[in-house]
Each structure stands twice: as structure tokens, then as C-alpha cells.
């Protein structure tokens, strides 16, 4: 019985190594301490293989901020827009917390 299971496992391993063409895309998120960038690797022929996604402000990077205001969650540019008008306890950097506000 153990020999049969071993042969089956070996067969499945060898079959899993056979490359299968794919038409999917892969995305990558770069979360830095100040900025957030999203890139897409596209496998379709005739298109740029790597492109950086553009946010709603037509920029390639967004501030890595999350803000909470009157029950709403604001992310990126929206959170950066309210930095000066609200208390610092409602704005958090995405990559960690500022030690002074914790």
C-alpha cells in the first residue's frame, strides 16, 4: 500500500512540474513607510509587461495613510487631504504607528 501511495505522489509531483501557459495577470503592492504603489505584470502579448497602476488623482503613488472621520474610513489621497483639519489620533500610517500618538 505504501509503494502505491509513493508512486501516486511521485506521479502527481512530476505532473505539477509541467508548465501550463496562463493568461492571468499578477499584481504587486509596495507598501512603504510614506507611499503606496501598485504594479501589474501583464502576460498578454502586445501589451507592456509591467505597468504601475494610477490612482484616482492620476498619480503613480499614494500616501500610505488611513484616516477615520465621522464613521467613514478614508485611504490614501483622501486621508492626506484631511491631515491638517482633524486631530492626529484619527490618522494612522499604514506601515506602522507613530510612537508619539500610540
PDB file of N, CA and C in Angstrom:
ATOM      1  N   UNK A   1       0.823  -1.193   0.000  1.00  0.00           N
ATOM      2  CA  UNK A   1       0.000   0.000   0.000  1.00  0.00           C
ATOM      3  C   UNK A   1       0.870   1.261   0.000  1.00  0.00           C
ATOM      4  N   UNK A   2       1.947   1.238   0.789  1.00  0.00           N
ATOM      5  CA  UNK A   2       2.832   2.392   0.858  1.00  0.00           C
ATOM      6  C   UNK A   2       3.533   2.638  -0.476  1.00  0.00           C
ATOM      7  N   UNK A   3       3.841   1.562  -1.196  1.00  0.00           N
ATOM      8  CA  UNK A   3       4.502   1.703  -2.502  1.00  0.00           C
ATOM      9  C   UNK A   3       3.566   2.356  -3.511  1.00  0.00           C
ATOM     10  N   UNK A   4       2.290   2.027  -3.450  1.00  0.00           N
ATOM     11  CA  UNK A   4       1.314   2.628  -4.371  1.00  0.00           C
ATOM     12  C   UNK A   4       1.148   4.113  -4.078  1.00  0.00           C
ATOM     13  N   UNK A   5       1.054   4.466  -2.800  1.00  0.00           N
ATOM     14  CA  UNK A   5       0.936   5.882  -2.423  1.00  0.00           C
ATOM     15  C   UNK A   5       2.180   6.667  -2.822  1.00  0.00           C
ATOM     16  N   UNK A   6       3.346   6.050  -2.675  1.00  0.00           N
ATOM     17  CA  UNK A   6       4.584   6.715  -3.075  1.00  0.00           C
ATOM     18  C   UNK A   6       4.602   6.967  -4.578  1.00  0.00           C
ATOM     19  N   UNK A   7       4.203   5.967  -5.380  1.00  0.00           N
ATOM     20  CA  UNK A   7       4.174   6.126  -6.839  1.00  0.00           C
ATOM     21  C   UNK A   7       3.161   7.184  -7.251  1.00  0.00           C
ATOM     22  N   UNK A   8       2.009   7.220  -6.587  1.00  0.00           N
ATOM     23  CA  UNK A   8       0.995   8.232  -6.879  1.00  0.00           C
ATOM     24  C   UNK A   8       1.502   9.625  -6.547  1.00  0.00           C
ATOM     25  N   UNK A   9       2.137   9.772  -5.396  1.00  0.00           N
ATOM     26  CA  UNK A   9       2.689  11.070  -5.001  1.00  0.00           C
ATOM     27  C   UNK A   9       3.780  11.515  -5.955  1.00  0.00           C
ATOM     28  N   UNK A  10       4.634  10.592  -6.390  1.00  0.00           N
ATOM     29  CA  UNK A  10       5.697  10.909  -7.345  1.00  0.00           C
ATOM     30  C   UNK A  10       5.105  11.326  -8.686  1.00  0.00           C
ATOM     31  N   UNK A  11       4.070  10.631  -9.142  1.00  0.00           N
ATOM     32  CA  UNK A  11       3.404  10.978 -10.401  1.00  0.00           C
ATOM     33  C   UNK A  11       2.787  12.371 -10.322  1.00  0.00           C
ATOM     34  N   UNK A  12       2.080  12.678  -9.240  1.00  0.00           N
ATOM     35  CA  UNK A  12       1.459  13.999  -9.081  1.00  0.00           C
ATOM     36  C   UNK A  12       2.506  15.102  -9.002  1.00  0.00           C
ATOM     37  N   UNK A  13       3.635  14.820  -8.377  1.00  0.00           N
ATOM     38  CA  UNK A  13       4.713  15.808  -8.304  1.00  0.00           C
ATOM     39  C   UNK A  13       5.273  16.103  -9.690  1.00  0.00           C
ATOM     40  N   UNK A  14       5.515  15.058 -10.480  1.00  0.00           N
ATOM     41  CA  UNK A  14       6.059  15.237 -11.831  1.00  0.00           C
ATOM     42  C   UNK A  14       5.057  15.984 -12.709  1.00  0.00           C
ATOM     43  N   UNK A  15       3.774  15.671 -12.601  1.00  0.00           N
ATOM     44  CA  UNK A  15       2.748  16.362 -13.387  1.00  0.00           C
ATOM     45  C   UNK A  15       2.664  17.829 -12.986  1.00  0.00           C
ATOM     46  N   UNK A  16       2.864  18.134 -11.721  1.00  0.00           N
ATOM     47  CA  UNK A  16       2.791  19.531 -11.275  1.00  0.00           C
ATOM     48  C   UNK A  16       3.953  20.364 -11.809  1.00  0.00           C
ATOM     49  N   UNK A  17       5.022  19.739 -12.256  1.00  0.00           N
ATOM     50  CA  UNK A  17       6.166  20.466 -12.805  1.00  0.00           C
ATOM     51  C   UNK A  17       6.000  20.825 -14.272  1.00  0.00           C
ATOM     52  N   UNK A  18       5.008  20.287 -14.944  1.00  0.00           N
ATOM     53  CA  UNK A  18       4.773  20.589 -16.355  1.00  0.00           C
ATOM     54  C   UNK A  18       4.239  22.018 -16.469  1.00  0.00           C
ATOM     55  N   UNK A  19       4.919  22.874 -17.241  1.00  0.00           N
ATOM     56  CA  UNK A  19       4.448  24.264 -17.345  1.00  0.00           C
ATOM     57  C   UNK A  19       3.150  24.353 -18.149  1.00  0.00           C
ATOM     58  N   UNK A  20       2.235  25.130 -17.643  1.00  0.00           N
ATOM     59  CA  UNK A  20       0.952  25.344 -18.307  1.00  0.00           C
ATOM     60  C   UNK A  20       0.844  26.834 -18.617  1.00  0.00           C
ATOM     61  N   UNK A  21       0.627  27.214 -19.895  1.00  0.00           N
ATOM     62  CA  UNK A  21       0.517  28.626 -20.226  1.00  0.00           C
ATOM     63  C   UNK A  21      -0.684  29.256 -19.528  1.00  0.00           C
ATOM     64  N   UNK A  22      -0.498  30.489 -19.122  1.00  0.00           N
ATOM     65  CA  UNK A  22      -1.540  31.185 -18.378  1.00  0.00           C
ATOM     66  C   UNK A  22      -1.801  32.544 -19.002  1.00  0.00           C
ATOM     67  N   UNK A  23      -3.015  33.008 -18.933  1.00  0.00           N
ATOM     68  CA  UNK A  23      -3.393  34.325 -19.442  1.00  0.00           C
ATOM     69  C   UNK A  23      -3.758  35.269 -18.297  1.00  0.00           C
ATOM     70  N   UNK A  24      -3.277  34.984 -17.118  1.00  0.00           N
ATOM     71  CA  UNK A  24      -3.620  35.812 -15.966  1.00  0.00           C
ATOM     72  C   UNK A  24      -2.573  36.891 -15.745  1.00  0.00           C
ATOM     73  N   UNK A  25      -2.919  37.850 -14.926  1.00  0.00           N
ATOM     74  CA  UNK A  25      -2.013  38.928 -14.557  1.00  0.00           C
ATOM     75  C   UNK A  25      -1.670  38.800 -13.084  1.00  0.00           C
ATOM     76  N   UNK A  26      -0.532  39.343 -12.715  1.00  0.00           N
ATOM     77  CA  UNK A  26      -0.073  39.317 -11.334  1.00  0.00           C
ATOM     78  C   UNK A  26       0.053  40.756 -10.859  1.00  0.00           C
ATOM     79  N   UNK A  27      -0.418  41.035  -9.656  1.00  0.00           N
ATOM     80  CA  UNK A  27      -0.278  42.383  -9.112  1.00  0.00           C
ATOM     81  C   UNK A  27       0.668  42.361  -7.921  1.00  0.00           C
ATOM     82  N   UNK A  28       1.299  43.501  -7.706  1.00  0.00           N
ATOM     83  CA  UNK A  28       2.245  43.647  -6.608  1.00  0.00           C
ATOM     84  C   UNK A  28       1.939  44.943  -5.876  1.00  0.00           C
ATOM     85  N   UNK A  29       1.973  44.904  -4.560  1.00  0.00           N
ATOM     86  CA  UNK A  29       1.719  46.093  -3.749  1.00  0.00           C
ATOM     87  C   UNK A  29       2.979  46.409  -2.961  1.00  0.00           C
ATOM     88  N   UNK A  30       3.484  47.624  -3.151  1.00  0.00           N
ATOM     89  CA  UNK A  30       4.667  48.094  -2.438  1.00  0.00           C
ATOM     90  C   UNK A  30       4.197  49.061  -1.358  1.00  0.00           C
ATOM     91  N   UNK A  31       4.161  48.605  -0.124  1.00  0.00           N
ATOM     92  CA  UNK A  31       3.708  49.432   0.991  1.00  0.00           C
ATOM     93  C   UNK A  31       4.930  49.929   1.738  1.00  0.00           C
ATOM     94  N   UNK A  32       5.302  51.179   1.470  1.00  0.00           N
ATOM     95  CA  UNK A  32       6.436  51.783   2.143  1.00  0.00           C
ATOM     96  C   UNK A  32       5.982  52.537   3.375  1.00  0.00           C
ATOM     97  N   UNK A  33       6.907  53.224   4.014  1.00  0.00           N
ATOM     98  CA  UNK A  33       6.558  53.964   5.226  1.00  0.00           C
ATOM     99  C   UNK A  33       5.804  55.254   4.908  1.00  0.00           C
ATOM    100  N   UNK A  34       5.969  55.803   3.702  1.00  0.00           N
ATOM    101  CA  UNK A  34       5.272  57.031   3.338  1.00  0.00           C
ATOM    102  C   UNK A  34       4.370  56.877   2.123  1.00  0.00           C
ATOM    103  N   UNK A  35       4.715  55.987   1.192  1.00  0.00           N
ATOM    104  CA  UNK A  35       3.999  55.893  -0.071  1.00  0.00           C
ATOM    105  C   UNK A  35       3.568  54.468  -0.347  1.00  0.00           C
ATOM    106  N   UNK A  36       2.526  54.324  -1.152  1.00  0.00           N
ATOM    107  CA  UNK A  36       1.981  53.048  -1.576  1.00  0.00           C
ATOM    108  C   UNK A  36       1.947  53.032  -3.101  1.00  0.00           C
ATOM    109  N   UNK A  37       2.478  51.962  -3.701  1.00  0.00           N
ATOM    110  CA  UNK A  37       2.451  51.811  -5.154  1.00  0.00           C
ATOM    111  C   UNK A  37       1.912  50.429  -5.491  1.00  0.00           C
ATOM    112  N   UNK A  38       1.199  50.345  -6.614  1.00  0.00           N
ATOM    113  CA  UNK A  38       0.657  49.080  -7.091  1.00  0.00           C
ATOM    114  C   UNK A  38       1.139  48.878  -8.525  1.00  0.00           C
ATOM    115  N   UNK A  39       1.711  47.716  -8.809  1.00  0.00           N
ATOM    116  CA  UNK A  39       2.176  47.390 -10.157  1.00  0.00           C
ATOM    117  C   UNK A  39       1.470  46.123 -10.637  1.00  0.00           C
ATOM    118  N   UNK A  40       1.323  46.028 -11.955  1.00  0.00           N
ATOM    119  CA  UNK A  40       0.668  44.879 -12.564  1.00  0.00           C
ATOM    120  C   UNK A  40       1.608  44.282 -13.600  1.00  0.00           C
ATOM    121  N   UNK A  41       1.822  42.979 -13.525  1.00  0.00           N
ATOM    122  CA  UNK A  41       2.596  42.257 -14.533  1.00  0.00           C
ATOM    123  C   UNK A  41       1.581  41.606 -15.465  1.00  0.00           C
ATOM    124  N   UNK A  42       1.595  42.028 -16.723  1.00  0.00           N
ATOM    125  CA  UNK A  42       0.619  41.552 -17.695  1.00  0.00           C
ATOM    126  C   UNK A  42       1.275  40.558 -18.634  1.00  0.00           C
ATOM    127  N   UNK A  43       0.654  39.419 -18.847  1.00  0.00           N
ATOM    128  CA  UNK A  43       1.220  38.371 -19.681  1.00  0.00           C
ATOM    129  C   UNK A  43       0.642  38.339 -21.085  1.00  0.00           C
ATOM    130  N   UNK A  44      -0.259  39.252 -21.428  1.00  0.00           N
ATOM    131  CA  UNK A  44      -0.881  39.253 -22.748  1.00  0.00           C
ATOM    132  C   UNK A  44       0.090  39.836 -23.773  1.00  0.00           C
ATOM    133  N   UNK A  45       0.205  39.223 -24.948  1.00  0.00           N
ATOM    134  CA  UNK A  45       1.122  39.738 -25.972  1.00  0.00           C
ATOM    135  C   UNK A  45       0.653  41.081 -26.524  1.00  0.00           C
ATOM    136  N   UNK A  46       1.602  41.931 -26.844  1.00  0.00           N
ATOM    137  CA  UNK A  46       1.293  43.235 -27.400  1.00  0.00           C
ATOM    138  C   UNK A  46       1.075  44.322 -26.367  1.00  0.00           C
ATOM    139  N   UNK A  47       1.142  43.998 -25.100  1.00  0.00           N
ATOM    140  CA  UNK A  47       0.964  44.987 -24.045  1.00  0.00           C
ATOM    141  C   UNK A  47       2.246  45.105 -23.247  1.00  0.00           C
ATOM    142  N   UNK A  48       2.399  46.224 -22.579  1.00  0.00           N
ATOM    143  CA  UNK A  48       3.565  46.434 -21.733  1.00  0.00           C
ATOM    144  C   UNK A  48       3.588  45.368 -20.635  1.00  0.00           C
ATOM    145  N   UNK A  49       4.737  44.707 -20.425  1.00  0.00           N
ATOM    146  CA  UNK A  49       4.753  43.611 -19.448  1.00  0.00           C
ATOM    147  C   UNK A  49       4.574  44.070 -18.008  1.00  0.00           C
ATOM    148  N   UNK A  50       5.076  45.246 -17.673  1.00  0.00           N
ATOM    149  CA  UNK A  50       4.944  45.748 -16.308  1.00  0.00           C
ATOM    150  C   UNK A  50       4.411  47.176 -16.364  1.00  0.00           C
ATOM    151  N   UNK A  51       3.369  47.452 -15.610  1.00  0.00           N
ATOM    152  CA  UNK A  51       2.830  48.811 -15.551  1.00  0.00           C
ATOM    153  C   UNK A  51       2.474  49.135 -14.104  1.00  0.00           C
ATOM    154  N   UNK A  52       2.680  50.392 -13.742  1.00  0.00           N
ATOM    155  CA  UNK A  52       2.347  50.857 -12.407  1.00  0.00           C
ATOM    156  C   UNK A  52       0.936  51.442 -12.468  1.00  0.00           C
ATOM    157  N   UNK A  53       0.061  50.974 -11.594  1.00  0.00           N
ATOM    158  CA  UNK A  53      -1.328  51.426 -11.584  1.00  0.00           C
ATOM    159  C   UNK A  53      -1.407  52.886 -11.161  1.00  0.00           C
ATOM    160  N   UNK A  54      -2.356  53.599 -11.734  1.00  0.00           N
ATOM    161  CA  UNK A  54      -2.555  55.024 -11.442  1.00  0.00           C
ATOM    162  C   UNK A  54      -3.760  55.151 -10.515  1.00  0.00           C
ATOM    163  N   UNK A  55      -3.635  56.005  -9.487  1.00  0.00           N
ATOM    164  CA  UNK A  55      -4.744  56.189  -8.552  1.00  0.00           C
ATOM    165  C   UNK A  55      -5.743  57.208  -9.103  1.00  0.00           C
ATOM    166  N   UNK A  56      -6.734  57.563  -8.295  1.00  0.00           N
ATOM    167  CA  UNK A  56      -7.794  58.456  -8.758  1.00  0.00           C
ATOM    168  C   UNK A  56      -7.298  59.879  -9.028  1.00  0.00           C
ATOM    169  N   UNK A  57      -6.134  60.246  -8.554  1.00  0.00           N
ATOM    170  CA  UNK A  57      -5.574  61.575  -8.790  1.00  0.00           C
ATOM    171  C   UNK A  57      -4.568  61.559  -9.941  1.00  0.00           C
ATOM    172  N   UNK A  58      -4.533  60.503 -10.729  1.00  0.00           N
ATOM    173  CA  UNK A  58      -3.615  60.323 -11.863  1.00  0.00           C
ATOM    174  C   UNK A  58      -2.159  60.349 -11.441  1.00  0.00           C
ATOM    175  N   UNK A  59      -1.905  59.805 -10.277  1.00  0.00           N
ATOM    176  CA  UNK A  59      -0.536  59.685  -9.784  1.00  0.00           C
ATOM    177  C   UNK A  59      -0.191  58.214  -9.665  1.00  0.00           C
ATOM    178  N   UNK A  60       1.095  57.914  -9.678  1.00  0.00           N
ATOM    179  CA  UNK A  60       1.539  56.533  -9.593  1.00  0.00           C
ATOM    180  C   UNK A  60       1.763  56.077  -8.150  1.00  0.00           C
ATOM    181  N   UNK A  61       1.801  57.007  -7.220  1.00  0.00           N
ATOM    182  CA  UNK A  61       1.951  56.608  -5.821  1.00  0.00           C
ATOM    183  C   UNK A  61       0.936  57.366  -4.980  1.00  0.00           C
ATOM    184  N   UNK A  62       0.524  56.727  -3.913  1.00  0.00           N
ATOM    185  CA  UNK A  62      -0.459  57.299  -2.995  1.00  0.00           C
ATOM    186  C   UNK A  62       0.147  57.361  -1.612  1.00  0.00           C
ATOM    187  N   UNK A  63      -0.264  58.322  -0.797  1.00  0.00           N
ATOM    188  CA  UNK A  63       0.215  58.341   0.583  1.00  0.00           C
ATOM    189  C   UNK A  63      -0.266  57.097   1.325  1.00  0.00           C
ATOM    190  N   UNK A  64       0.593  56.532   2.126  1.00  0.00           N
ATOM    191  CA  UNK A  64       0.246  55.332   2.899  1.00  0.00           C
ATOM    192  C   UNK A  64      -0.402  55.771   4.206  1.00  0.00           C
ATOM    193  N   UNK A  65      -1.630  56.275   4.101  1.00  0.00           N
ATOM    194  CA  UNK A  65      -2.364  56.774   5.256  1.00  0.00           C
ATOM    195  C   UNK A  65      -3.769  56.195   5.275  1.00  0.00           C
ATOM    196  N   UNK A  66      -4.279  56.018   6.483  1.00  0.00           N
ATOM    197  CA  UNK A  66      -5.678  55.656   6.695  1.00  0.00           C
ATOM    198  C   UNK A  66      -6.212  56.625   7.735  1.00  0.00           C
ATOM    199  N   UNK A  67      -7.372  57.236   7.448  1.00  0.00           N
ATOM    200  CA  UNK A  67      -7.974  58.191   8.389  1.00  0.00           C
ATOM    201  C   UNK A  67      -9.420  57.777   8.655  1.00  0.00           C
ATOM    202  N   UNK A  68      -9.904  58.096   9.849  1.00  0.00           N
ATOM    203  CA  UNK A  68     -11.283  57.827  10.221  1.00  0.00           C
ATOM    204  C   UNK A  68     -11.929  59.151  10.576  1.00  0.00           C
ATOM    205  N   UNK A  69     -13.044  59.471   9.887  1.00  0.00           N
ATOM    206  CA  UNK A  69     -13.726  60.734  10.138  1.00  0.00           C
ATOM    207  C   UNK A  69     -15.228  60.485  10.119  1.00  0.00           C
ATOM    208  N   UNK A  70     -15.884  60.746  11.218  1.00  0.00           N
ATOM    209  CA  UNK A  70     -17.330  60.595  11.416  1.00  0.00           C
ATOM    210  C   UNK A  70     -17.850  59.252  10.886  1.00  0.00           C
ATOM    211  N   UNK A  71     -17.171  58.183  11.267  1.00  0.00           N
ATOM    212  CA  UNK A  71     -17.608  56.845  10.906  1.00  0.00           C
ATOM    213  C   UNK A  71     -17.170  56.375   9.524  1.00  0.00           C
ATOM    214  N   UNK A  72     -16.495  57.209   8.760  1.00  0.00           N
ATOM    215  CA  UNK A  72     -16.022  56.823   7.431  1.00  0.00           C
ATOM    216  C   UNK A  72     -14.527  56.548   7.458  1.00  0.00           C
ATOM    217  N   UNK A  73     -14.087  55.599   6.646  1.00  0.00           N
ATOM    218  CA  UNK A  73     -12.666  55.281   6.523  1.00  0.00           C
ATOM    219  C   UNK A  73     -12.146  55.911   5.237  1.00  0.00           C
ATOM    220  N   UNK A  74     -11.113  56.728   5.353  1.00  0.00           N
ATOM    221  CA  UNK A  74     -10.504  57.384   4.199  1.00  0.00           C
ATOM    222  C   UNK A  74      -9.110  56.804   3.986  1.00  0.00           C
ATOM    223  N   UNK A  75      -8.753  56.558   2.722  1.00  0.00           N
ATOM    224  CA  UNK A  75      -7.483  55.921   2.404  1.00  0.00           C
ATOM    225  C   UNK A  75      -6.743  56.771   1.380  1.00  0.00           C
ATOM    226  N   UNK A  76      -5.427  56.866   1.510  1.00  0.00           N
ATOM    227  CA  UNK A  76      -4.567  57.499   0.512  1.00  0.00           C
ATOM    228  C   UNK A  76      -4.743  59.003   0.426  1.00  0.00           C
ATOM    229  N   UNK A  77      -5.064  59.498  -0.788  1.00  0.00           N
ATOM    230  CA  UNK A  77      -5.183  60.935  -1.034  1.00  0.00           C
ATOM    231  C   UNK A  77      -6.276  61.576  -0.178  1.00  0.00           C
ATOM    232  N   UNK A  78      -7.380  60.872   0.021  1.00  0.00           N
ATOM    233  CA  UNK A  78      -8.453  61.421   0.845  1.00  0.00           C
ATOM    234  C   UNK A  78      -8.001  61.608   2.287  1.00  0.00           C
ATOM    235  N   UNK A  79      -7.238  60.657   2.809  1.00  0.00           N
ATOM    236  CA  UNK A  79      -6.725  60.768   4.175  1.00  0.00           C
ATOM    237  C   UNK A  79      -5.708  61.894   4.271  1.00  0.00           C
ATOM    238  N   UNK A  80      -4.880  62.059   3.244  1.00  0.00           N
ATOM    239  CA  UNK A  80      -3.882  63.132   3.262  1.00  0.00           C
ATOM    240  C   UNK A  80      -4.547  64.506   3.194  1.00  0.00           C
ATOM    241  N   UNK A  81      -5.722  64.581   2.566  1.00  0.00           N
ATOM    242  CA  UNK A  81      -6.425  65.849   2.445  1.00  0.00           C
ATOM    243  C   UNK A  81      -6.977  66.376   3.750  1.00  0.00           C
ATOM    244  N   UNK A  82      -7.210  65.509   4.723  1.00  0.00           N
ATOM    245  CA  UNK A  82      -7.779  65.966   5.989  1.00  0.00           C
ATOM    246  C   UNK A  82      -6.757  66.009   7.118  1.00  0.00           C
ATOM    247  N   UNK A  83      -5.489  65.846   6.813  1.00  0.00           N
ATOM    248  CA  UNK A  83      -4.452  65.790   7.849  1.00  0.00           C
ATOM    249  C   UNK A  83      -4.440  67.059   8.689  1.00  0.00           C
ATOM    250  N   UNK A  84      -4.563  68.196   8.072  1.00  0.00           N
ATOM    251  CA  UNK A  84      -4.451  69.463   8.809  1.00  0.00           C
ATOM    252  C   UNK A  84      -5.734  69.853   9.532  1.00  0.00           C
ATOM    253  N   UNK A  85      -6.874  69.270   9.144  1.00  0.00           N
ATOM    254  CA  UNK A  85      -8.135  69.730   9.712  1.00  0.00           C
ATOM    255  C   UNK A  85      -8.674  68.871  10.850  1.00  0.00           C
ATOM    256  N   UNK A  86      -8.052  67.720  11.140  1.00  0.00           N
ATOM    257  CA  UNK A  86      -8.568  66.847  12.200  1.00  0.00           C
ATOM    258  C   UNK A  86      -7.469  66.533  13.211  1.00  0.00           C
ATOM    259  N   UNK A  87      -7.881  65.902  14.284  1.00  0.00           N
ATOM    260  CA  UNK A  87      -6.911  65.561  15.325  1.00  0.00           C
ATOM    261  C   UNK A  87      -5.995  64.437  14.856  1.00  0.00           C
ATOM    262  N   UNK A  88      -4.749  64.411  15.327  1.00  0.00           N
ATOM    263  CA  UNK A  88      -3.815  63.371  14.885  1.00  0.00           C
ATOM    264  C   UNK A  88      -4.174  61.969  15.372  1.00  0.00           C
ATOM    265  N   UNK A  89      -5.108  61.820  16.314  1.00  0.00           N
ATOM    266  CA  UNK A  89      -5.482  60.493  16.799  1.00  0.00           C
ATOM    267  C   UNK A  89      -6.338  59.739  15.793  1.00  0.00           C
ATOM    268  N   UNK A  90      -6.831  60.399  14.740  1.00  0.00           N
ATOM    269  CA  UNK A  90      -7.695  59.712  13.778  1.00  0.00           C
ATOM    270  C   UNK A  90      -6.988  59.389  12.466  1.00  0.00           C
ATOM    271  N   UNK A  91      -5.679  59.644  12.360  1.00  0.00           N
ATOM    272  CA  UNK A  91      -4.920  59.362  11.150  1.00  0.00           C
ATOM    273  C   UNK A  91      -3.779  58.431  11.509  1.00  0.00           C
ATOM    274  N   UNK A  92      -3.629  57.340  10.748  1.00  0.00           N
ATOM    275  CA  UNK A  92      -2.627  56.333  11.039  1.00  0.00           C
ATOM    276  C   UNK A  92      -1.819  56.021   9.792  1.00  0.00           C
ATOM    277  N   UNK A  93      -0.483  55.946   9.906  1.00  0.00           N
ATOM    278  CA  UNK A  93       0.302  55.462   8.770  1.00  0.00           C
ATOM    279  C   UNK A  93       0.055  53.968   8.587  1.00  0.00           C
ATOM    280  N   UNK A  94       0.006  53.507   7.352  1.00  0.00           N
ATOM    281  CA  UNK A  94      -0.307  52.098   7.072  1.00  0.00           C
ATOM    282  C   UNK A  94       0.798  51.152   7.498  1.00  0.00           C
ATOM    283  N   UNK A  95       2.043  51.604   7.495  1.00  0.00           N
ATOM    284  CA  UNK A  95       3.152  50.682   7.748  1.00  0.00           C
ATOM    285  C   UNK A  95       3.528  50.573   9.218  1.00  0.00           C
ATOM    286  N   UNK A  96       2.813  51.222  10.073  1.00  0.00           N
ATOM    287  CA  UNK A  96       3.113  51.154  11.495  1.00  0.00           C
ATOM    288  C   UNK A  96       2.539  52.379  12.184  1.00  0.00           C
ATOM    289  N   UNK A  97       2.640  52.410  13.471  1.00  0.00           N
ATOM    290  CA  UNK A  97       2.100  53.524  14.218  1.00  0.00           C
ATOM    291  C   UNK A  97       3.206  54.455  14.672  1.00  0.00           C
ATOM    292  N   UNK A  98       2.914  55.731  14.660  1.00  0.00           N
ATOM    293  CA  UNK A  98       3.842  56.712  15.187  1.00  0.00           C
ATOM    294  C   UNK A  98       3.879  56.532  16.708  1.00  0.00           C
ATOM    295  N   UNK A  99       5.039  56.466  17.267  1.00  0.00           N
ATOM    296  CA  UNK A  99       5.159  56.171  18.698  1.00  0.00           C
ATOM    297  C   UNK A  99       4.594  57.286  19.569  1.00  0.00           C
ATOM    298  N   UNK A 100       4.549  58.521  19.050  1.00  0.00           N
ATOM    299  CA  UNK A 100       4.007  59.620  19.858  1.00  0.00           C
ATOM    300  C   UNK A 100       2.512  59.577  19.987  1.00  0.00           C
ATOM    301  N   UNK A 101       1.789  59.021  18.990  1.00  0.00           N
ATOM    302  CA  UNK A 101       0.330  59.021  19.049  1.00  0.00           C
ATOM    303  C   UNK A 101      -0.239  57.738  19.652  1.00  0.00           C
ATOM    304  N   UNK A 102       0.598  56.730  19.895  1.00  0.00           N
ATOM    305  CA  UNK A 102       0.073  55.471  20.424  1.00  0.00           C
ATOM    306  C   UNK A 102      -0.003  55.532  21.930  1.00  0.00           C
TER     307      UNK A 102
END
